[in-house]
Amino acid sequence: MAVVDDILTNDSECHLPEEAKKILKSLASSWSDDSNSLQVIPLKGAMTNEVFQINWLTKTGELQHKVLVRLYGEGVDIFFDRDNEIQTFECISKHGQGPRLLARFSNGRIEEFIHARTLSAGDLKDPEISALIAAKLREFNDLEMPGPKKVHLWDRMSNWLKEAERLCSPDEAKEFCLDSLEEEILNLERQLSGDHQRAGFCHNDLQYGNIMIDEVTKSITIIDYEYASYNPIAYDFANHFCEMAANYHSEEPHILDYGLYPDLEERRRFVHIYLSSSGDKPSDLEVEQLLQDIEKYTLASHLLWGLWGIISEHVNKIDFDYIEYSRQRFQQYWLRKSPLLENSGASPPV
């Protein structure tokens, strides 16, 4: 049986709860006869949780095993139900779509480490990788998941608005026009909902850090399902396209560059690959209709993540300029609203 003498860290500020350390030592004892220490490596880029790679080292310093430890961010239960998220995680794992859950503790969990590379911001613009993501997204959206197949987007947005109003100062509420957003959300729901739209199980946070690629097999794995739920698939596309403006590993990770938003041909190619991956050739009308819906749903993405930023500023201690991030998302909403919507209503109050 292995005896783990110590837990090493590559970051003096990195800390794991004692409960997690006990579980890790237990795993080491059950998996190896030659583990001497556990190496803890903080992984950058997460904005909701703290994530660590745990390496099992032998007495000679050789790497034996890896796992992932996820510490839940403070206050983030405002955004989702943790028990539902764990159920989703386990169900997706049973579908063979993601890592296995190895253990849980009071404020986090331990996951199987996927031996693949997490994408970088630039990878989303690579045509080959983008095509792989499109096909994998179709597979993900088609997953059969437990629970009612109802759209969650609008209720989530309304709930987050209430939380933002509760948490923020009067000056913040005025700056972000929170008193006008309830009507904006209702107007979006009226204009974007339609019988022609297909709903599916959506990831709802398909940024590059939640996508991994096996460099040998070229297989894609989508990870981190905290925000996953049934929604119009056009919203999942819209959110993914909006995320191409972000680089969360830059020196200013909150800064968004919408000059990187995919152009029409990039969007059309992504949509065509997605629709074709089922084996049926989509009609031009089907492709164009989905493209139009996606552009409108970018407005919902901007509003939702703008509200997320306001709330996160008050509940999350991760080093990220959430308020400036929110400003950019709301600016895009007001900038793009009139060109995209009929009867778009009022402009933002000055």
Protein backbone atom coordinates (compact mmCIF):
# COMPACT_ATOMS: atom_id res chain seq x y z
CA MET A 1 0.00 0.00 0.00
CA ALA A 2 1.28 3.45 -0.89
CA VAL A 3 2.19 6.00 1.73
CA VAL A 4 1.93 9.61 0.57
CA ASP A 5 4.42 11.63 2.56
CA ASP A 6 3.52 15.12 1.43
CA ILE A 7 1.56 17.30 -0.93
CA LEU A 8 3.64 19.61 -3.08
CA THR A 9 2.37 22.77 -4.72
CA ASN A 10 3.60 24.92 -7.58
CA ASP A 11 1.89 27.99 -6.14
CA SER A 12 2.28 29.34 -2.62
CA GLU A 13 -1.32 30.59 -2.68
CA CYS A 14 -2.69 27.21 -3.73
CA HIS A 15 -4.54 25.42 -0.98
CA LEU A 16 -6.67 22.31 -0.91
CA PRO A 17 -9.16 21.62 1.88
CA GLU A 18 -8.19 18.88 4.31
CA GLU A 19 -11.18 16.84 3.19
CA ALA A 20 -9.87 16.81 -0.38
CA LYS A 21 -6.35 15.91 0.76
CA LYS A 22 -7.65 12.89 2.68
CA ILE A 23 -9.54 11.64 -0.38
CA LEU A 24 -6.49 12.15 -2.60
CA LYS A 25 -4.30 10.20 -0.19
CA SER A 26 -6.89 7.44 -0.12
CA LEU A 27 -6.93 7.31 -3.91
CA ALA A 28 -3.13 7.19 -3.94
CA SER A 29 -3.19 4.26 -1.52
CA SER A 30 -5.66 2.32 -3.64
CA TRP A 31 -4.02 3.02 -7.00
CA SER A 32 -0.31 2.73 -6.39
CA ASP A 33 2.35 1.01 -4.33
CA ASP A 34 5.01 3.60 -5.01
CA SER A 35 3.45 7.05 -4.50
CA ASN A 36 5.59 9.37 -2.43
CA SER A 37 3.90 12.74 -2.95
CA LEU A 38 1.09 14.53 -4.71
CA GLN A 39 1.95 17.54 -6.82
CA VAL A 40 -0.72 20.27 -7.00
CA ILE A 41 -0.72 22.48 -10.10
CA PRO A 42 -3.27 25.34 -10.34
CA LEU A 43 -4.87 25.56 -13.78
CA LYS A 44 -5.56 29.08 -15.00
CA GLY A 45 -8.53 30.43 -16.93
CA ALA A 46 -11.44 29.24 -14.77
CA MET A 47 -13.83 32.00 -13.72
CA THR A 48 -16.42 30.11 -11.69
CA ASN A 49 -14.33 27.49 -9.86
CA GLU A 50 -10.71 26.92 -8.90
CA VAL A 51 -9.25 23.96 -10.79
CA PHE A 52 -6.11 21.96 -9.96
CA GLN A 53 -4.20 19.19 -11.67
CA ILE A 54 -3.01 16.59 -9.16
CA ASN A 55 0.00 14.48 -10.13
CA TRP A 56 1.00 11.27 -8.36
CA LEU A 57 4.81 11.19 -8.10
CA THR A 58 6.95 8.15 -7.29
CA LYS A 59 9.91 8.31 -4.93
CA THR A 60 12.11 8.93 -7.96
CA GLY A 61 9.90 11.82 -9.12
CA GLU A 62 8.25 9.98 -12.00
CA LEU A 63 4.64 10.76 -12.89
CA GLN A 64 2.22 7.88 -12.23
CA HIS A 65 -1.35 9.23 -12.27
CA LYS A 66 -3.28 12.47 -12.73
CA VAL A 67 -6.66 13.65 -11.52
CA LEU A 68 -8.49 16.97 -11.56
CA VAL A 69 -9.71 18.70 -8.41
CA ARG A 70 -12.43 21.31 -8.75
CA LEU A 71 -13.10 23.70 -5.84
CA TYR A 72 -16.46 25.39 -6.18
CA GLY A 73 -16.33 29.18 -6.26
CA GLU A 74 -17.88 31.05 -3.37
CA GLY A 75 -21.46 32.15 -3.95
CA VAL A 76 -21.75 30.52 -7.37
CA ASP A 77 -24.70 28.36 -6.30
CA ILE A 78 -26.68 31.45 -7.27
CA PHE A 79 -26.09 30.42 -10.88
CA PHE A 80 -27.07 26.76 -10.82
CA ASP A 81 -28.21 23.88 -8.64
CA ARG A 82 -25.10 21.92 -7.69
CA ASP A 83 -26.97 18.62 -7.21
CA ASN A 84 -28.49 18.94 -10.68
CA GLU A 85 -25.05 19.73 -12.09
CA ILE A 86 -23.58 16.58 -10.51
CA GLN A 87 -26.46 14.52 -11.91
CA THR A 88 -25.77 16.00 -15.34
CA PHE A 89 -22.05 15.29 -14.97
CA GLU A 90 -22.69 11.63 -14.10
CA CYS A 91 -25.27 11.17 -16.85
CA ILE A 92 -23.00 12.67 -19.52
CA SER A 93 -20.19 10.44 -18.29
CA LYS A 94 -22.42 7.39 -18.72
CA HIS A 95 -23.02 8.52 -22.30
CA GLY A 96 -19.24 8.38 -22.77
CA GLN A 97 -19.05 12.13 -23.33
CA GLY A 98 -16.78 13.34 -20.54
CA PRO A 99 -14.63 12.53 -17.51
CA ARG A 100 -15.71 10.18 -14.72
CA LEU A 101 -16.60 11.49 -11.28
CA LEU A 102 -14.14 9.95 -8.80
CA ALA A 103 -15.17 11.56 -5.51
CA ARG A 104 -17.07 14.45 -3.95
CA PHE A 105 -16.38 16.60 -0.91
CA SER A 106 -18.24 19.49 0.70
CA ASN A 107 -17.02 22.28 -1.59
CA GLY A 108 -15.74 20.42 -4.61
CA ARG A 109 -15.11 17.18 -6.44
CA ILE A 110 -12.38 15.01 -7.96
CA GLU A 111 -12.64 14.06 -11.62
CA GLU A 112 -10.87 11.77 -14.02
CA PHE A 113 -8.07 13.61 -15.82
CA ILE A 114 -8.64 13.57 -19.57
CA HIS A 115 -5.42 13.04 -21.50
CA ALA A 116 -6.09 15.67 -24.11
CA ARG A 117 -5.19 19.28 -24.73
CA THR A 118 -7.48 22.09 -23.64
CA LEU A 119 -8.07 24.39 -26.58
CA SER A 120 -6.59 27.86 -26.76
CA ALA A 121 -8.47 30.96 -27.87
CA GLY A 122 -6.91 30.80 -31.34
CA ASP A 123 -8.00 27.19 -31.86
CA LEU A 124 -11.63 28.24 -32.24
CA LYS A 125 -10.70 30.02 -35.48
CA ASP A 126 -8.90 26.97 -36.91
CA PRO A 127 -11.19 25.55 -39.66
CA GLU A 128 -10.25 21.92 -38.93
CA ILE A 129 -10.80 22.22 -35.18
CA SER A 130 -13.96 24.28 -35.69
CA ALA A 131 -15.38 21.51 -37.88
CA LEU A 132 -14.68 18.95 -35.16
CA ILE A 133 -16.41 21.16 -32.58
CA ALA A 134 -19.46 21.56 -34.82
CA ALA A 135 -19.88 17.79 -35.18
CA LYS A 136 -19.34 17.22 -31.45
CA LEU A 137 -21.84 19.95 -30.57
CA ARG A 138 -24.49 18.15 -32.63
CA GLU A 139 -23.73 14.97 -30.70
CA PHE A 140 -23.96 16.86 -27.39
CA ASN A 141 -27.23 18.62 -28.28
CA ASP A 142 -28.76 15.24 -29.18
CA LEU A 143 -28.02 13.67 -25.77
CA GLU A 144 -31.03 12.21 -23.99
CA MET A 145 -30.95 13.62 -20.48
CA PRO A 146 -33.27 13.09 -17.51
CA GLY A 147 -35.79 15.72 -16.50
CA PRO A 148 -38.28 17.89 -18.38
CA LYS A 149 -37.24 19.07 -21.83
CA LYS A 150 -38.19 22.70 -21.31
CA VAL A 151 -36.27 25.81 -22.28
CA HIS A 152 -34.39 27.24 -19.29
CA LEU A 153 -32.89 30.37 -20.85
CA TRP A 154 -35.58 32.92 -20.04
CA ASP A 155 -36.24 31.81 -16.46
CA ARG A 156 -32.50 31.76 -15.81
CA MET A 157 -32.10 35.27 -17.19
CA SER A 158 -34.99 36.60 -15.08
CA ASN A 159 -33.61 34.95 -11.94
CA TRP A 160 -30.14 36.37 -12.56
CA LEU A 161 -31.63 39.82 -13.06
CA LYS A 162 -33.29 39.59 -9.63
CA GLU A 163 -29.97 38.54 -8.07
CA ALA A 164 -28.11 41.38 -9.79
CA GLU A 165 -30.67 43.89 -8.53
CA ARG A 166 -30.36 42.48 -5.01
CA LEU A 167 -26.57 42.58 -4.93
CA CYS A 168 -25.49 45.67 -6.80
CA SER A 169 -25.29 49.27 -5.64
CA PRO A 170 -27.68 51.98 -6.88
CA ASP A 171 -24.89 53.39 -9.05
CA GLU A 172 -24.28 49.99 -10.64
CA ALA A 173 -28.00 49.47 -11.19
CA LYS A 174 -28.18 52.82 -12.95
CA GLU A 175 -25.07 52.22 -15.05
CA PHE A 176 -26.34 48.87 -16.32
CA CYS A 177 -29.96 50.03 -16.75
CA LEU A 178 -31.19 47.16 -14.60
CA ASP A 179 -34.64 48.70 -14.19
CA SER A 180 -35.20 48.36 -17.95
CA LEU A 181 -33.92 44.80 -18.36
CA GLU A 182 -37.06 42.94 -17.34
CA GLU A 183 -38.85 44.39 -20.36
CA GLU A 184 -35.80 43.68 -22.54
CA ILE A 185 -35.88 40.02 -21.50
CA LEU A 186 -39.62 39.73 -22.17
CA ASN A 187 -39.19 41.37 -25.56
CA LEU A 188 -36.36 39.02 -26.47
CA GLU A 189 -38.40 35.99 -25.47
CA ARG A 190 -41.34 37.18 -27.59
CA GLN A 191 -39.23 37.86 -30.65
CA LEU A 192 -36.85 34.92 -30.47
CA SER A 193 -39.25 32.12 -29.61
CA GLY A 194 -40.74 30.25 -32.55
CA ASP A 195 -42.20 26.87 -33.45
CA HIS A 196 -39.53 26.33 -36.11
CA GLN A 197 -36.73 26.36 -33.54
CA ARG A 198 -35.19 23.11 -32.40
CA ALA A 199 -34.38 22.65 -28.73
CA GLY A 200 -31.73 20.30 -27.44
CA PHE A 201 -29.48 19.67 -24.50
CA CYS A 202 -27.19 22.71 -24.64
CA HIS A 203 -23.86 23.30 -22.97
CA ASN A 204 -24.55 27.06 -22.70
CA ASP A 205 -20.89 27.92 -21.97
CA LEU A 206 -18.95 26.59 -24.94
CA GLN A 207 -15.81 28.68 -24.57
CA TYR A 208 -12.42 27.32 -25.59
CA GLY A 209 -11.47 26.31 -22.04
CA ASN A 210 -14.39 23.88 -21.95
CA ILE A 211 -13.27 22.00 -25.06
CA MET A 212 -10.46 19.45 -25.24
CA ILE A 213 -8.84 17.72 -28.21
CA ASP A 214 -6.91 14.47 -28.43
CA GLU A 215 -4.05 15.37 -30.75
CA VAL A 216 -3.66 11.77 -31.92
CA THR A 217 -7.26 10.74 -32.59
CA LYS A 218 -8.54 14.29 -33.19
CA SER A 219 -11.51 13.53 -30.96
CA ILE A 220 -13.20 16.40 -29.14
CA THR A 221 -14.43 16.29 -25.54
CA ILE A 222 -16.74 18.95 -24.13
CA ILE A 223 -16.32 19.46 -20.37
CA ASP A 224 -17.78 21.54 -17.50
CA TYR A 225 -21.57 21.25 -17.51
CA GLU A 226 -22.52 23.66 -14.73
CA TYR A 227 -24.70 25.79 -16.99
CA ALA A 228 -25.95 22.96 -19.23
CA SER A 229 -29.70 22.64 -19.79
CA TYR A 230 -32.30 22.28 -22.50
CA ASN A 231 -32.44 25.38 -24.68
CA PRO A 232 -32.84 26.37 -28.32
CA ILE A 233 -29.76 25.03 -30.11
CA ALA A 234 -29.38 28.44 -31.79
CA TYR A 235 -28.47 29.83 -28.37
CA ASP A 236 -25.63 27.31 -27.97
CA PHE A 237 -24.23 28.40 -31.35
CA ALA A 238 -24.63 32.08 -30.49
CA ASN A 239 -22.85 31.69 -27.20
CA HIS A 240 -20.00 29.76 -28.81
CA PHE A 241 -19.54 32.40 -31.50
CA CYS A 242 -19.55 35.20 -28.91
CA GLU A 243 -16.84 33.36 -26.96
CA MET A 244 -14.49 33.72 -29.92
CA ALA A 245 -14.01 37.33 -28.77
CA ALA A 246 -12.43 36.17 -25.50
CA ASN A 247 -8.95 35.12 -24.44
CA TYR A 248 -9.09 34.26 -20.76
CA HIS A 249 -5.36 33.51 -20.65
CA SER A 250 -4.21 36.93 -21.82
CA GLU A 251 -2.73 39.62 -19.57
CA GLU A 252 -6.17 41.27 -19.57
CA PRO A 253 -8.51 38.26 -19.60
CA HIS A 254 -11.65 40.38 -19.18
CA ILE A 255 -11.08 42.27 -22.44
CA LEU A 256 -13.20 41.08 -25.38
CA ASP A 257 -12.30 41.63 -29.03
CA TYR A 258 -15.44 41.43 -31.16
CA GLY A 259 -13.34 41.86 -34.26
CA LEU A 260 -12.71 38.12 -33.78
CA TYR A 261 -16.41 37.27 -34.00
CA PRO A 262 -16.71 34.76 -36.90
CA ASP A 263 -17.70 36.21 -40.24
CA LEU A 264 -20.71 34.97 -42.21
CA GLU A 265 -18.79 32.32 -44.14
CA GLU A 266 -17.24 30.93 -40.95
CA ARG A 267 -20.66 30.79 -39.31
CA ARG A 268 -22.26 29.22 -42.38
CA ARG A 269 -19.55 26.54 -42.56
CA PHE A 270 -19.98 25.71 -38.86
CA VAL A 271 -23.77 25.45 -39.20
CA HIS A 272 -23.56 23.35 -42.36
CA ILE A 273 -21.14 20.87 -40.74
CA TYR A 274 -23.35 20.67 -37.65
CA LEU A 275 -26.50 19.94 -39.67
CA SER A 276 -24.71 17.54 -42.03
CA SER A 277 -23.14 15.47 -39.24
CA SER A 278 -26.37 13.48 -38.82
CA GLY A 279 -25.92 12.12 -42.34
CA ASP A 280 -28.61 14.25 -43.99
CA LYS A 281 -27.82 17.14 -46.30
CA PRO A 282 -29.45 20.32 -44.99
CA SER A 283 -31.36 22.61 -47.31
CA ASP A 284 -30.11 26.13 -47.96
CA LEU A 285 -33.27 27.42 -46.27
CA GLU A 286 -32.55 25.39 -43.13
CA VAL A 287 -29.00 26.73 -42.95
CA GLU A 288 -30.03 30.35 -43.50
CA GLN A 289 -32.86 30.17 -40.97
CA LEU A 290 -30.55 28.82 -38.29
CA LEU A 291 -27.96 31.50 -39.10
CA GLN A 292 -30.59 34.21 -38.61
CA ASP A 293 -31.75 32.70 -35.33
CA ILE A 294 -28.18 32.44 -34.06
CA GLU A 295 -27.50 36.12 -34.64
CA LYS A 296 -30.60 37.08 -32.67
CA TYR A 297 -29.65 34.77 -29.83
CA THR A 298 -26.32 36.57 -29.46
CA LEU A 299 -28.41 39.27 -27.77
CA ALA A 300 -29.56 36.76 -25.16
CA SER A 301 -25.95 35.67 -24.65
CA HIS A 302 -24.82 39.26 -24.07
CA LEU A 303 -27.59 39.94 -21.55
CA LEU A 304 -27.14 36.70 -19.64
CA TRP A 305 -23.37 36.91 -19.27
CA GLY A 306 -23.58 40.62 -18.54
CA LEU A 307 -25.78 39.77 -15.56
CA TRP A 308 -23.42 36.94 -14.63
CA GLY A 309 -20.55 39.42 -14.45
CA ILE A 310 -22.45 41.80 -12.17
CA ILE A 311 -23.35 38.98 -9.77
CA SER A 312 -19.87 37.46 -9.89
CA GLU A 313 -18.30 40.78 -8.94
CA HIS A 314 -20.13 40.52 -5.61
CA VAL A 315 -19.83 36.80 -4.84
CA ASN A 316 -16.65 35.49 -6.47
CA LYS A 317 -13.09 36.13 -5.27
CA ILE A 318 -11.33 34.90 -8.41
CA ASP A 319 -8.99 37.55 -9.83
CA PHE A 320 -11.05 38.75 -12.81
CA ASP A 321 -12.53 42.15 -13.67
CA TYR A 322 -16.14 41.00 -13.81
CA ILE A 323 -17.61 44.50 -13.98
CA GLU A 324 -15.59 45.56 -17.00
CA TYR A 325 -16.50 42.26 -18.63
CA SER A 326 -20.18 43.06 -17.99
CA ARG A 327 -19.81 46.52 -19.50
CA GLN A 328 -18.57 45.03 -22.75
CA ARG A 329 -21.37 42.46 -22.92
CA PHE A 330 -24.06 45.07 -22.31
CA GLN A 331 -22.45 47.44 -24.82
CA GLN A 332 -22.68 44.73 -27.44
CA TYR A 333 -26.31 44.09 -26.56
CA TRP A 334 -27.36 47.70 -27.07
CA LEU A 335 -25.17 48.07 -30.15
CA ARG A 336 -26.55 44.98 -31.90
CA LYS A 337 -30.17 45.11 -30.74
CA SER A 338 -31.65 47.46 -33.35
CA PRO A 339 -30.00 45.84 -36.40
CA LEU A 340 -31.10 42.37 -35.31
CA LEU A 341 -34.64 42.85 -33.99
CA GLU A 342 -37.81 44.21 -35.49
CA ASN A 343 -39.62 46.72 -33.25
CA SER A 344 -36.54 46.76 -31.08
CA GLY A 345 -37.90 49.40 -28.72
CA ALA A 346 -35.97 51.91 -26.69
CA SER A 347 -32.26 52.49 -26.68
CA PRO A 348 -30.42 52.28 -23.37
CA PRO A 349 -31.12 55.18 -21.04
CA VAL A 350 -28.36 57.78 -21.08
